[in-house]
Amino acid sequence: MKATDRKFYSPHDPYEDSPQSIGHGATISAPHMHGYALEYLQEALQPGVKVLDVGSGSGYLTACMAELVGPQGKVVGVDHIPELVTWSRQNVQRARPDYLEQGRILFVQGDGRLGYSPEAPYDVIHVGAASEGRPTQLLEQLKSPGKMFVPVEDSGHLGQSIILYDKASDGKVTQHTLMGVAYVPLTDPDTQTGRGLFL
């Protein structure tokens, strides 16, 4: 994270340890949450692997993961808000243009709930918005072995928890509940921008 300066990715208070609005009903997560994500995925974020970053927003965590996977790796950032896709690409172009030139980072517009099948499967999947229930389609795009870090709505929508999914070499999936959180929902663009949530 020290190698990726948040000032290029957060227009307001980049070094505050709290979520910041980036417009369009989206936020950049607090630094401590990005730290948790990288820590729990660290074992799988090795040089040369392929990563999917769902809800890539400003592109900050995408860039952090690109640092870890190295020039032979690839991180695909997917977001359904076209303005955020354009902005994230511009942010990386200002901060680390070599990531784009090398093809180490690819930003695409799409419905993150469906993953991004043209580049699947992925060694690692990070999701930056809360899934409504088990993210089955994303799990299908996870390699065996592979790891996924995702906030999930608790049953009955009483809250959210970070779930770490581990897919073994034989395809068996286990899950571990890490902590309670409050993330913007993983939803469609109209619903997201209409909510005005900045959690």
N, C-alpha and C. Protein backbone atom coordinates (compact mmCIF):
# COMPACT_ATOMS: atom_id res chain seq x y z
N MET A 1 0.83 -1.21 0.00
CA MET A 1 0.00 0.00 0.00
C MET A 1 0.86 1.26 0.00
N LYS A 2 2.04 1.20 0.62
CA LYS A 2 2.93 2.36 0.61
C LYS A 2 3.42 2.68 -0.79
N ALA A 3 3.43 1.68 -1.65
CA ALA A 3 3.89 1.89 -3.03
C ALA A 3 2.81 2.50 -3.92
N THR A 4 1.58 2.61 -3.39
CA THR A 4 0.45 3.12 -4.18
C THR A 4 -0.17 4.29 -3.44
N ASP A 5 0.12 5.50 -3.89
CA ASP A 5 -0.30 6.71 -3.18
C ASP A 5 -1.77 7.00 -3.42
N ARG A 6 -2.55 7.03 -2.34
CA ARG A 6 -4.00 7.24 -2.44
C ARG A 6 -4.37 8.62 -2.98
N LYS A 7 -3.44 9.57 -2.98
CA LYS A 7 -3.79 10.90 -3.45
C LYS A 7 -4.20 10.89 -4.92
N PHE A 8 -3.77 9.88 -5.68
CA PHE A 8 -4.14 9.78 -7.08
C PHE A 8 -5.54 9.17 -7.27
N TYR A 9 -6.10 8.61 -6.19
CA TYR A 9 -7.32 7.81 -6.33
C TYR A 9 -8.48 8.30 -5.47
N SER A 10 -8.22 9.22 -4.55
CA SER A 10 -9.28 9.72 -3.67
C SER A 10 -9.28 11.24 -3.73
N PRO A 11 -10.36 11.85 -4.26
CA PRO A 11 -10.38 13.31 -4.41
C PRO A 11 -10.52 14.06 -3.08
N HIS A 12 -10.96 13.37 -2.03
CA HIS A 12 -11.16 14.00 -0.73
C HIS A 12 -10.42 13.22 0.35
N ASP A 13 -9.66 13.89 1.17
CA ASP A 13 -9.02 13.31 2.36
C ASP A 13 -8.44 11.92 2.08
N PRO A 14 -7.50 11.81 1.15
CA PRO A 14 -7.02 10.48 0.75
C PRO A 14 -6.38 9.67 1.87
N TYR A 15 -5.85 10.34 2.90
CA TYR A 15 -5.13 9.61 3.95
C TYR A 15 -5.95 9.41 5.22
N GLU A 16 -7.21 9.86 5.19
CA GLU A 16 -8.10 9.61 6.33
C GLU A 16 -8.47 8.13 6.36
N ASP A 17 -8.49 7.54 7.57
CA ASP A 17 -8.85 6.12 7.67
C ASP A 17 -10.36 5.97 7.77
N SER A 18 -11.02 6.39 6.69
CA SER A 18 -12.47 6.27 6.61
C SER A 18 -12.84 6.22 5.13
N PRO A 19 -14.01 5.64 4.80
CA PRO A 19 -14.44 5.62 3.40
C PRO A 19 -14.69 7.03 2.89
N GLN A 20 -14.39 7.26 1.61
CA GLN A 20 -14.59 8.57 1.01
C GLN A 20 -15.44 8.43 -0.25
N SER A 21 -16.35 9.38 -0.45
CA SER A 21 -17.19 9.36 -1.64
C SER A 21 -16.36 9.60 -2.89
N ILE A 22 -16.64 8.83 -3.93
CA ILE A 22 -16.03 9.09 -5.25
C ILE A 22 -17.13 9.37 -6.28
N GLY A 23 -18.34 9.67 -5.78
CA GLY A 23 -19.46 9.99 -6.66
C GLY A 23 -20.15 8.75 -7.19
N HIS A 24 -21.29 8.96 -7.83
CA HIS A 24 -22.06 7.89 -8.46
C HIS A 24 -22.53 6.83 -7.45
N GLY A 25 -22.73 7.24 -6.20
CA GLY A 25 -23.17 6.29 -5.18
C GLY A 25 -22.10 5.30 -4.77
N ALA A 26 -20.84 5.61 -5.03
CA ALA A 26 -19.73 4.70 -4.73
C ALA A 26 -18.76 5.36 -3.76
N THR A 27 -17.94 4.54 -3.14
CA THR A 27 -16.90 5.04 -2.22
C THR A 27 -15.58 4.35 -2.52
N ILE A 28 -14.51 4.98 -2.04
CA ILE A 28 -13.24 4.27 -1.89
C ILE A 28 -13.21 3.84 -0.43
N SER A 29 -12.96 2.57 -0.19
CA SER A 29 -12.99 2.04 1.17
C SER A 29 -11.91 2.67 2.03
N ALA A 30 -12.10 2.58 3.33
CA ALA A 30 -11.09 3.07 4.27
C ALA A 30 -9.79 2.28 4.09
N PRO A 31 -8.64 2.94 4.31
CA PRO A 31 -7.36 2.23 4.15
C PRO A 31 -7.26 0.95 4.96
N HIS A 32 -7.84 0.92 6.18
CA HIS A 32 -7.71 -0.30 6.97
C HIS A 32 -8.44 -1.47 6.31
N MET A 33 -9.54 -1.20 5.58
CA MET A 33 -10.25 -2.28 4.91
C MET A 33 -9.44 -2.78 3.71
N HIS A 34 -8.78 -1.88 3.01
CA HIS A 34 -7.90 -2.33 1.92
C HIS A 34 -6.75 -3.15 2.49
N GLY A 35 -6.27 -2.73 3.66
CA GLY A 35 -5.21 -3.49 4.31
C GLY A 35 -5.65 -4.90 4.67
N TYR A 36 -6.88 -5.01 5.22
CA TYR A 36 -7.41 -6.34 5.54
C TYR A 36 -7.52 -7.20 4.28
N ALA A 37 -8.04 -6.61 3.21
CA ALA A 37 -8.22 -7.38 1.97
C ALA A 37 -6.88 -7.91 1.47
N LEU A 38 -5.87 -7.05 1.43
CA LEU A 38 -4.56 -7.48 0.94
C LEU A 38 -3.93 -8.51 1.87
N GLU A 39 -4.15 -8.34 3.17
CA GLU A 39 -3.57 -9.29 4.13
C GLU A 39 -4.20 -10.68 3.97
N TYR A 40 -5.51 -10.73 3.88
CA TYR A 40 -6.18 -12.03 3.80
C TYR A 40 -5.97 -12.71 2.45
N LEU A 41 -5.68 -11.90 1.41
CA LEU A 41 -5.45 -12.47 0.08
C LEU A 41 -3.96 -12.63 -0.24
N GLN A 42 -3.11 -12.20 0.68
CA GLN A 42 -1.67 -12.13 0.43
C GLN A 42 -1.08 -13.46 -0.06
N GLU A 43 -1.50 -14.54 0.56
CA GLU A 43 -0.98 -15.86 0.19
C GLU A 43 -1.18 -16.17 -1.28
N ALA A 44 -2.30 -15.69 -1.84
CA ALA A 44 -2.62 -15.98 -3.24
C ALA A 44 -2.15 -14.88 -4.20
N LEU A 45 -1.86 -13.68 -3.67
CA LEU A 45 -1.45 -12.56 -4.52
C LEU A 45 0.05 -12.67 -4.82
N GLN A 46 0.40 -13.62 -5.64
CA GLN A 46 1.78 -13.92 -5.97
C GLN A 46 2.12 -13.43 -7.37
N PRO A 47 3.41 -13.22 -7.67
CA PRO A 47 3.80 -12.79 -9.01
C PRO A 47 3.26 -13.73 -10.09
N GLY A 48 2.67 -13.14 -11.12
CA GLY A 48 2.20 -13.91 -12.26
C GLY A 48 0.75 -14.36 -12.21
N VAL A 49 0.04 -14.11 -11.09
CA VAL A 49 -1.34 -14.58 -11.00
C VAL A 49 -2.29 -13.59 -11.66
N LYS A 50 -3.53 -14.03 -11.86
CA LYS A 50 -4.57 -13.18 -12.44
C LYS A 50 -5.63 -12.91 -11.38
N VAL A 51 -6.04 -11.63 -11.31
CA VAL A 51 -6.95 -11.16 -10.26
C VAL A 51 -8.14 -10.45 -10.89
N LEU A 52 -9.31 -10.62 -10.28
CA LEU A 52 -10.50 -9.85 -10.65
C LEU A 52 -10.86 -8.95 -9.49
N ASP A 53 -10.98 -7.64 -9.74
CA ASP A 53 -11.38 -6.66 -8.74
C ASP A 53 -12.75 -6.14 -9.12
N VAL A 54 -13.77 -6.62 -8.42
CA VAL A 54 -15.16 -6.27 -8.72
C VAL A 54 -15.53 -5.00 -7.98
N GLY A 55 -16.08 -4.03 -8.72
CA GLY A 55 -16.39 -2.73 -8.12
C GLY A 55 -15.11 -1.96 -7.91
N SER A 56 -14.31 -1.87 -8.97
CA SER A 56 -12.95 -1.32 -8.86
C SER A 56 -12.92 0.18 -8.58
N GLY A 57 -14.04 0.88 -8.78
CA GLY A 57 -14.17 2.26 -8.35
C GLY A 57 -13.08 3.17 -8.88
N SER A 58 -12.28 3.73 -7.98
CA SER A 58 -11.22 4.67 -8.36
C SER A 58 -9.99 3.98 -8.91
N GLY A 59 -9.89 2.67 -8.72
CA GLY A 59 -8.73 1.91 -9.19
C GLY A 59 -7.63 1.74 -8.17
N TYR A 60 -7.83 2.23 -6.95
CA TYR A 60 -6.76 2.19 -5.94
C TYR A 60 -6.34 0.77 -5.59
N LEU A 61 -7.29 -0.05 -5.14
CA LEU A 61 -6.92 -1.40 -4.74
C LEU A 61 -6.47 -2.23 -5.94
N THR A 62 -7.02 -1.94 -7.11
CA THR A 62 -6.57 -2.59 -8.34
C THR A 62 -5.07 -2.37 -8.52
N ALA A 63 -4.65 -1.13 -8.30
CA ALA A 63 -3.23 -0.79 -8.44
C ALA A 63 -2.38 -1.44 -7.35
N CYS A 64 -2.91 -1.49 -6.13
CA CYS A 64 -2.18 -2.18 -5.05
C CYS A 64 -1.94 -3.65 -5.40
N MET A 65 -2.96 -4.29 -5.93
CA MET A 65 -2.81 -5.71 -6.28
C MET A 65 -1.90 -5.89 -7.48
N ALA A 66 -1.91 -4.92 -8.40
CA ALA A 66 -1.01 -4.98 -9.56
C ALA A 66 0.44 -4.92 -9.11
N GLU A 67 0.71 -4.17 -8.06
CA GLU A 67 2.06 -4.11 -7.49
C GLU A 67 2.51 -5.49 -7.03
N LEU A 68 1.59 -6.24 -6.44
CA LEU A 68 1.92 -7.56 -5.88
C LEU A 68 2.05 -8.65 -6.94
N VAL A 69 1.26 -8.59 -8.00
CA VAL A 69 1.30 -9.67 -9.00
C VAL A 69 2.43 -9.49 -10.01
N GLY A 70 3.03 -8.30 -10.03
CA GLY A 70 4.20 -8.09 -10.87
C GLY A 70 3.90 -7.97 -12.34
N PRO A 71 4.95 -7.75 -13.16
CA PRO A 71 4.76 -7.50 -14.58
C PRO A 71 4.19 -8.67 -15.36
N GLN A 72 4.32 -9.88 -14.83
CA GLN A 72 3.76 -11.05 -15.52
C GLN A 72 2.34 -11.36 -15.07
N GLY A 73 1.87 -10.65 -14.04
CA GLY A 73 0.51 -10.86 -13.56
C GLY A 73 -0.47 -9.91 -14.22
N LYS A 74 -1.74 -10.03 -13.85
CA LYS A 74 -2.77 -9.17 -14.44
C LYS A 74 -3.90 -8.99 -13.45
N VAL A 75 -4.37 -7.73 -13.34
CA VAL A 75 -5.52 -7.42 -12.50
C VAL A 75 -6.59 -6.79 -13.39
N VAL A 76 -7.76 -7.40 -13.41
CA VAL A 76 -8.89 -6.88 -14.19
C VAL A 76 -9.83 -6.17 -13.22
N GLY A 77 -10.02 -4.86 -13.43
CA GLY A 77 -10.95 -4.09 -12.63
C GLY A 77 -12.25 -3.93 -13.39
N VAL A 78 -13.36 -4.32 -12.79
CA VAL A 78 -14.66 -4.20 -13.47
C VAL A 78 -15.58 -3.32 -12.62
N ASP A 79 -16.24 -2.36 -13.28
CA ASP A 79 -17.19 -1.50 -12.61
C ASP A 79 -18.32 -1.21 -13.60
N HIS A 80 -19.55 -1.07 -13.09
CA HIS A 80 -20.67 -0.86 -14.01
C HIS A 80 -20.96 0.62 -14.28
N ILE A 81 -20.22 1.52 -13.64
CA ILE A 81 -20.39 2.95 -13.88
C ILE A 81 -19.33 3.39 -14.89
N PRO A 82 -19.72 3.75 -16.12
CA PRO A 82 -18.71 4.07 -17.14
C PRO A 82 -17.79 5.22 -16.75
N GLU A 83 -18.33 6.22 -16.03
CA GLU A 83 -17.49 7.35 -15.62
C GLU A 83 -16.39 6.90 -14.66
N LEU A 84 -16.70 5.93 -13.80
CA LEU A 84 -15.68 5.43 -12.88
C LEU A 84 -14.63 4.60 -13.60
N VAL A 85 -15.04 3.86 -14.61
CA VAL A 85 -14.07 3.09 -15.41
C VAL A 85 -13.08 4.04 -16.09
N THR A 86 -13.61 5.10 -16.69
CA THR A 86 -12.75 6.09 -17.34
C THR A 86 -11.84 6.77 -16.34
N TRP A 87 -12.40 7.15 -15.20
CA TRP A 87 -11.63 7.85 -14.18
C TRP A 87 -10.53 6.97 -13.58
N SER A 88 -10.86 5.71 -13.31
CA SER A 88 -9.85 4.81 -12.75
C SER A 88 -8.69 4.62 -13.71
N ARG A 89 -9.00 4.53 -14.99
CA ARG A 89 -7.94 4.40 -16.00
C ARG A 89 -7.06 5.66 -16.00
N GLN A 90 -7.69 6.83 -15.88
CA GLN A 90 -6.95 8.09 -15.83
C GLN A 90 -6.09 8.16 -14.57
N ASN A 91 -6.61 7.68 -13.46
CA ASN A 91 -5.85 7.69 -12.20
C ASN A 91 -4.58 6.86 -12.32
N VAL A 92 -4.71 5.66 -12.86
CA VAL A 92 -3.54 4.80 -13.02
C VAL A 92 -2.58 5.39 -14.05
N GLN A 93 -3.13 6.02 -15.09
CA GLN A 93 -2.28 6.64 -16.10
C GLN A 93 -1.41 7.74 -15.48
N ARG A 94 -1.96 8.46 -14.51
CA ARG A 94 -1.19 9.51 -13.84
C ARG A 94 -0.18 8.93 -12.85
N ALA A 95 -0.61 7.89 -12.14
CA ALA A 95 0.22 7.36 -11.05
C ALA A 95 1.23 6.32 -11.53
N ARG A 96 0.78 5.36 -12.33
CA ARG A 96 1.62 4.26 -12.78
C ARG A 96 1.27 3.87 -14.22
N PRO A 97 1.64 4.72 -15.18
CA PRO A 97 1.29 4.41 -16.58
C PRO A 97 1.86 3.09 -17.07
N ASP A 98 2.96 2.64 -16.44
CA ASP A 98 3.57 1.38 -16.86
C ASP A 98 2.63 0.19 -16.65
N TYR A 99 1.74 0.29 -15.63
CA TYR A 99 0.79 -0.81 -15.40
C TYR A 99 -0.13 -1.00 -16.60
N LEU A 100 -0.55 0.11 -17.20
CA LEU A 100 -1.43 0.02 -18.36
C LEU A 100 -0.65 -0.39 -19.60
N GLU A 101 0.54 0.15 -19.74
CA GLU A 101 1.37 -0.18 -20.91
C GLU A 101 1.75 -1.66 -20.93
N GLN A 102 2.02 -2.22 -19.76
CA GLN A 102 2.40 -3.64 -19.66
C GLN A 102 1.20 -4.57 -19.79
N GLY A 103 -0.01 -4.01 -19.68
CA GLY A 103 -1.19 -4.87 -19.63
C GLY A 103 -1.36 -5.51 -18.26
N ARG A 104 -0.67 -4.95 -17.27
CA ARG A 104 -0.78 -5.49 -15.91
C ARG A 104 -2.14 -5.17 -15.32
N ILE A 105 -2.75 -4.05 -15.77
CA ILE A 105 -4.10 -3.66 -15.34
C ILE A 105 -4.98 -3.50 -16.57
N LEU A 106 -6.20 -4.03 -16.47
CA LEU A 106 -7.24 -3.82 -17.49
C LEU A 106 -8.50 -3.40 -16.78
N PHE A 107 -9.06 -2.24 -17.17
CA PHE A 107 -10.34 -1.78 -16.62
C PHE A 107 -11.43 -2.00 -17.66
N VAL A 108 -12.55 -2.59 -17.22
CA VAL A 108 -13.66 -2.84 -18.12
C VAL A 108 -14.97 -2.42 -17.45
N GLN A 109 -15.94 -2.05 -18.28
CA GLN A 109 -17.27 -1.76 -17.78
C GLN A 109 -18.10 -3.02 -17.86
N GLY A 110 -18.81 -3.32 -16.78
CA GLY A 110 -19.66 -4.51 -16.80
C GLY A 110 -20.34 -4.70 -15.46
N ASP A 111 -21.22 -5.67 -15.42
CA ASP A 111 -21.95 -6.02 -14.20
C ASP A 111 -21.06 -6.93 -13.37
N GLY A 112 -20.50 -6.38 -12.30
CA GLY A 112 -19.57 -7.15 -11.48
C GLY A 112 -20.18 -8.39 -10.86
N ARG A 113 -21.49 -8.41 -10.71
CA ARG A 113 -22.15 -9.61 -10.15
C ARG A 113 -21.93 -10.82 -11.03
N LEU A 114 -21.66 -10.56 -12.32
CA LEU A 114 -21.44 -11.64 -13.29
C LEU A 114 -19.96 -11.93 -13.50
N GLY A 115 -19.10 -11.20 -12.78
CA GLY A 115 -17.67 -11.35 -12.98
C GLY A 115 -17.25 -10.77 -14.32
N TYR A 116 -16.22 -11.37 -14.92
CA TYR A 116 -15.78 -10.96 -16.26
C TYR A 116 -15.20 -12.19 -16.93
N SER A 117 -16.09 -12.91 -17.62
CA SER A 117 -15.74 -14.24 -18.15
C SER A 117 -14.64 -14.24 -19.21
N PRO A 118 -14.46 -13.15 -20.04
CA PRO A 118 -13.40 -13.22 -21.04
C PRO A 118 -12.00 -13.44 -20.48
N GLU A 119 -11.78 -13.06 -19.23
CA GLU A 119 -10.45 -13.23 -18.63
C GLU A 119 -10.41 -14.35 -17.60
N ALA A 120 -11.54 -14.98 -17.32
CA ALA A 120 -11.61 -16.04 -16.31
C ALA A 120 -10.85 -17.29 -16.78
N PRO A 121 -10.41 -18.11 -15.83
CA PRO A 121 -10.59 -18.05 -14.38
C PRO A 121 -9.53 -17.19 -13.70
N TYR A 122 -9.80 -16.85 -12.43
CA TYR A 122 -8.93 -15.97 -11.66
C TYR A 122 -8.38 -16.70 -10.43
N ASP A 123 -7.13 -16.40 -10.11
CA ASP A 123 -6.53 -16.95 -8.89
C ASP A 123 -7.10 -16.27 -7.66
N VAL A 124 -7.45 -15.00 -7.80
CA VAL A 124 -7.93 -14.18 -6.69
C VAL A 124 -9.10 -13.33 -7.20
N ILE A 125 -10.14 -13.21 -6.38
CA ILE A 125 -11.23 -12.27 -6.67
C ILE A 125 -11.45 -11.43 -5.42
N HIS A 126 -11.44 -10.11 -5.62
CA HIS A 126 -11.79 -9.18 -4.55
C HIS A 126 -13.08 -8.47 -4.97
N VAL A 127 -14.00 -8.34 -4.04
CA VAL A 127 -15.27 -7.66 -4.32
C VAL A 127 -15.40 -6.48 -3.37
N GLY A 128 -15.60 -5.29 -3.93
CA GLY A 128 -15.64 -4.07 -3.14
C GLY A 128 -17.04 -3.56 -2.86
N ALA A 129 -18.05 -4.41 -2.99
CA ALA A 129 -19.43 -4.04 -2.66
C ALA A 129 -20.12 -5.30 -2.15
N ALA A 130 -21.20 -5.11 -1.39
CA ALA A 130 -21.82 -6.23 -0.68
C ALA A 130 -22.72 -7.06 -1.59
N SER A 131 -22.41 -8.35 -1.67
CA SER A 131 -23.20 -9.29 -2.45
C SER A 131 -24.45 -9.70 -1.68
N GLU A 132 -25.56 -9.83 -2.40
CA GLU A 132 -26.79 -10.30 -1.77
C GLU A 132 -26.80 -11.82 -1.83
N GLY A 133 -26.27 -12.42 -0.79
CA GLY A 133 -26.17 -13.88 -0.76
C GLY A 133 -24.87 -14.38 -1.38
N ARG A 134 -24.75 -15.69 -1.45
CA ARG A 134 -23.54 -16.34 -1.96
C ARG A 134 -23.28 -15.95 -3.42
N PRO A 135 -22.10 -15.41 -3.74
CA PRO A 135 -21.81 -14.95 -5.10
C PRO A 135 -21.43 -16.11 -6.02
N THR A 136 -22.43 -16.89 -6.41
CA THR A 136 -22.21 -18.14 -7.13
C THR A 136 -21.47 -17.95 -8.44
N GLN A 137 -21.87 -16.95 -9.22
CA GLN A 137 -21.24 -16.76 -10.53
C GLN A 137 -19.78 -16.36 -10.41
N LEU A 138 -19.45 -15.62 -9.37
CA LEU A 138 -18.06 -15.26 -9.13
C LEU A 138 -17.26 -16.48 -8.71
N LEU A 139 -17.84 -17.31 -7.87
CA LEU A 139 -17.14 -18.53 -7.44
C LEU A 139 -16.85 -19.44 -8.62
N GLU A 140 -17.73 -19.44 -9.61
CA GLU A 140 -17.51 -20.27 -10.80
C GLU A 140 -16.30 -19.78 -11.60
N GLN A 141 -15.96 -18.49 -11.46
CA GLN A 141 -14.82 -17.93 -12.20
C GLN A 141 -13.53 -17.96 -11.39
N LEU A 142 -13.60 -18.53 -10.18
CA LEU A 142 -12.42 -18.66 -9.32
C LEU A 142 -11.69 -19.96 -9.63
N LYS A 143 -10.38 -19.86 -9.77
CA LYS A 143 -9.57 -21.05 -10.06
C LYS A 143 -9.58 -22.01 -8.87
N SER A 144 -9.15 -23.22 -9.14
CA SER A 144 -8.92 -24.21 -8.11
C SER A 144 -7.41 -24.52 -8.09
N PRO A 145 -6.66 -24.09 -7.10
CA PRO A 145 -7.09 -23.35 -5.90
C PRO A 145 -7.22 -21.85 -6.18
N GLY A 146 -7.99 -21.19 -5.31
CA GLY A 146 -8.17 -19.75 -5.44
C GLY A 146 -8.81 -19.18 -4.18
N LYS A 147 -8.75 -17.85 -4.04
CA LYS A 147 -9.32 -17.18 -2.87
C LYS A 147 -10.18 -16.00 -3.31
N MET A 148 -11.27 -15.78 -2.58
CA MET A 148 -12.14 -14.63 -2.85
C MET A 148 -12.49 -13.93 -1.54
N PHE A 149 -12.37 -12.60 -1.54
CA PHE A 149 -12.68 -11.74 -0.39
C PHE A 149 -13.89 -10.92 -0.79
N VAL A 150 -15.01 -11.08 -0.07
CA VAL A 150 -16.25 -10.43 -0.49
C VAL A 150 -17.15 -10.11 0.71
N PRO A 151 -17.69 -8.88 0.78
CA PRO A 151 -18.72 -8.60 1.77
C PRO A 151 -20.04 -9.22 1.30
N VAL A 152 -20.75 -9.85 2.22
CA VAL A 152 -22.00 -10.54 1.90
C VAL A 152 -23.08 -10.09 2.87
N GLU A 153 -24.28 -9.80 2.33
CA GLU A 153 -25.43 -9.47 3.17
C GLU A 153 -25.77 -10.68 4.04
N ASP A 154 -25.90 -10.45 5.35
CA ASP A 154 -26.34 -11.52 6.24
C ASP A 154 -27.78 -11.89 5.91
N SER A 155 -28.16 -13.10 6.23
CA SER A 155 -29.53 -13.54 5.97
C SER A 155 -30.50 -12.61 6.68
N GLY A 156 -31.54 -12.23 5.95
CA GLY A 156 -32.52 -11.29 6.50
C GLY A 156 -32.08 -9.85 6.40
N HIS A 157 -30.95 -9.61 5.71
CA HIS A 157 -30.43 -8.25 5.50
C HIS A 157 -30.25 -7.49 6.81
N LEU A 158 -29.78 -8.20 7.83
CA LEU A 158 -29.58 -7.59 9.14
C LEU A 158 -28.19 -6.97 9.27
N GLY A 159 -27.36 -7.16 8.29
CA GLY A 159 -26.00 -6.64 8.33
C GLY A 159 -25.16 -7.28 7.24
N GLN A 160 -23.89 -7.00 7.27
CA GLN A 160 -22.96 -7.55 6.29
C GLN A 160 -21.73 -8.10 7.00
N SER A 161 -21.13 -9.12 6.39
CA SER A 161 -19.89 -9.67 6.90
C SER A 161 -18.95 -9.94 5.74
N ILE A 162 -17.65 -9.76 6.00
CA ILE A 162 -16.66 -10.17 5.01
C ILE A 162 -16.53 -11.69 5.07
N ILE A 163 -16.66 -12.31 3.91
CA ILE A 163 -16.48 -13.76 3.80
C ILE A 163 -15.24 -14.02 2.96
N LEU A 164 -14.36 -14.88 3.44
CA LEU A 164 -13.21 -15.33 2.67
C LEU A 164 -13.54 -16.73 2.17
N TYR A 165 -13.68 -16.87 0.85
CA TYR A 165 -13.93 -18.17 0.24
C TYR A 165 -12.60 -18.77 -0.21
N ASP A 166 -12.39 -20.02 0.12
CA ASP A 166 -11.21 -20.77 -0.32
C ASP A 166 -11.67 -21.90 -1.21
N LYS A 167 -11.20 -21.92 -2.45
CA LYS A 167 -11.51 -23.03 -3.34
C LYS A 167 -10.27 -23.92 -3.43
N ALA A 168 -10.42 -25.17 -3.07
CA ALA A 168 -9.30 -26.11 -3.05
C ALA A 168 -9.01 -26.63 -4.45
N SER A 169 -7.90 -27.35 -4.58
CA SER A 169 -7.50 -27.90 -5.88
C SER A 169 -8.56 -28.82 -6.47
N ASP A 170 -9.34 -29.47 -5.59
CA ASP A 170 -10.39 -30.38 -6.08
C ASP A 170 -11.71 -29.66 -6.34
N GLY A 171 -11.71 -28.33 -6.18
CA GLY A 171 -12.93 -27.56 -6.44
C GLY A 171 -13.82 -27.36 -5.23
N LYS A 172 -13.50 -27.99 -4.11
CA LYS A 172 -14.32 -27.83 -2.90
C LYS A 172 -14.14 -26.43 -2.34
N VAL A 173 -15.26 -25.78 -1.99
CA VAL A 173 -15.25 -24.41 -1.49
C VAL A 173 -15.56 -24.39 0.00
N THR A 174 -14.69 -23.74 0.77
CA THR A 174 -14.97 -23.50 2.19
C THR A 174 -15.04 -21.99 2.40
N GLN A 175 -15.72 -21.58 3.45
CA GLN A 175 -15.86 -20.15 3.71
C GLN A 175 -15.59 -19.84 5.16
N HIS A 176 -15.03 -18.63 5.37
CA HIS A 176 -14.67 -18.18 6.71
C HIS A 176 -15.23 -16.77 6.88
N THR A 177 -15.99 -16.54 7.95
CA THR A 177 -16.51 -15.21 8.24
C THR A 177 -15.45 -14.44 9.00
N LEU A 178 -15.07 -13.26 8.48
CA LEU A 178 -13.96 -12.52 9.06
C LEU A 178 -14.40 -11.40 9.99
N MET A 179 -15.36 -10.56 9.56
CA MET A 179 -15.74 -9.40 10.36
C MET A 179 -17.01 -8.77 9.82
N GLY A 180 -17.72 -8.04 10.68
CA GLY A 180 -18.87 -7.28 10.24
C GLY A 180 -18.43 -5.99 9.57
N VAL A 181 -19.15 -5.57 8.52
CA VAL A 181 -18.78 -4.39 7.75
C VAL A 181 -20.04 -3.65 7.28
N ALA A 182 -19.84 -2.51 6.62
CA ALA A 182 -20.93 -1.76 6.00
C ALA A 182 -20.44 -1.26 4.65
N TYR A 183 -20.80 -1.96 3.58
CA TYR A 183 -20.39 -1.62 2.22
C TYR A 183 -21.59 -1.19 1.38
N VAL A 184 -21.33 -0.42 0.35
CA VAL A 184 -22.35 -0.12 -0.65
C VAL A 184 -22.79 -1.45 -1.28
N PRO A 185 -24.07 -1.64 -1.57
CA PRO A 185 -24.53 -2.91 -2.16
C PRO A 185 -23.97 -3.15 -3.56
N LEU A 186 -23.74 -4.41 -3.88
CA LEU A 186 -23.36 -4.83 -5.23
C LEU A 186 -24.66 -4.94 -6.02
N THR A 187 -24.91 -3.96 -6.89
CA THR A 187 -26.23 -3.87 -7.52
C THR A 187 -26.08 -3.34 -8.95
N ASP A 188 -27.18 -2.90 -9.54
CA ASP A 188 -27.15 -2.35 -10.89
C ASP A 188 -26.90 -0.84 -10.82
N PRO A 189 -26.46 -0.22 -11.93
CA PRO A 189 -26.11 1.21 -11.90
C PRO A 189 -27.24 2.12 -11.46
N ASP A 190 -28.46 1.90 -11.96
CA ASP A 190 -29.57 2.80 -11.63
C ASP A 190 -29.88 2.76 -10.14
N THR A 191 -29.89 1.56 -9.59
CA THR A 191 -30.17 1.43 -8.16
C THR A 191 -29.06 2.08 -7.35
N GLN A 192 -27.80 1.86 -7.75
CA GLN A 192 -26.67 2.41 -7.01
C GLN A 192 -26.70 3.93 -6.99
N THR A 193 -26.83 4.53 -8.14
CA THR A 193 -26.78 5.99 -8.19
C THR A 193 -28.02 6.62 -7.57
N GLY A 194 -29.11 5.89 -7.55
CA GLY A 194 -30.34 6.41 -6.94
C GLY A 194 -30.34 6.33 -5.44
N ARG A 195 -29.51 5.44 -4.86
CA ARG A 195 -29.51 5.27 -3.42
C ARG A 195 -28.86 6.45 -2.69
N GLY A 196 -27.79 6.99 -3.31
CA GLY A 196 -27.06 8.06 -2.65
C GLY A 196 -26.37 7.60 -1.38
N LEU A 197 -25.99 6.31 -1.32
CA LEU A 197 -25.33 5.79 -0.13
C LEU A 197 -23.82 6.02 -0.23
N PHE A 198 -23.25 6.48 0.88
CA PHE A 198 -21.80 6.67 0.92
C PHE A 198 -21.29 6.05 2.22
N LEU A 199 -21.35 4.73 2.28
CA LEU A 199 -20.98 4.03 3.52
C LEU A 199 -19.50 3.78 3.57
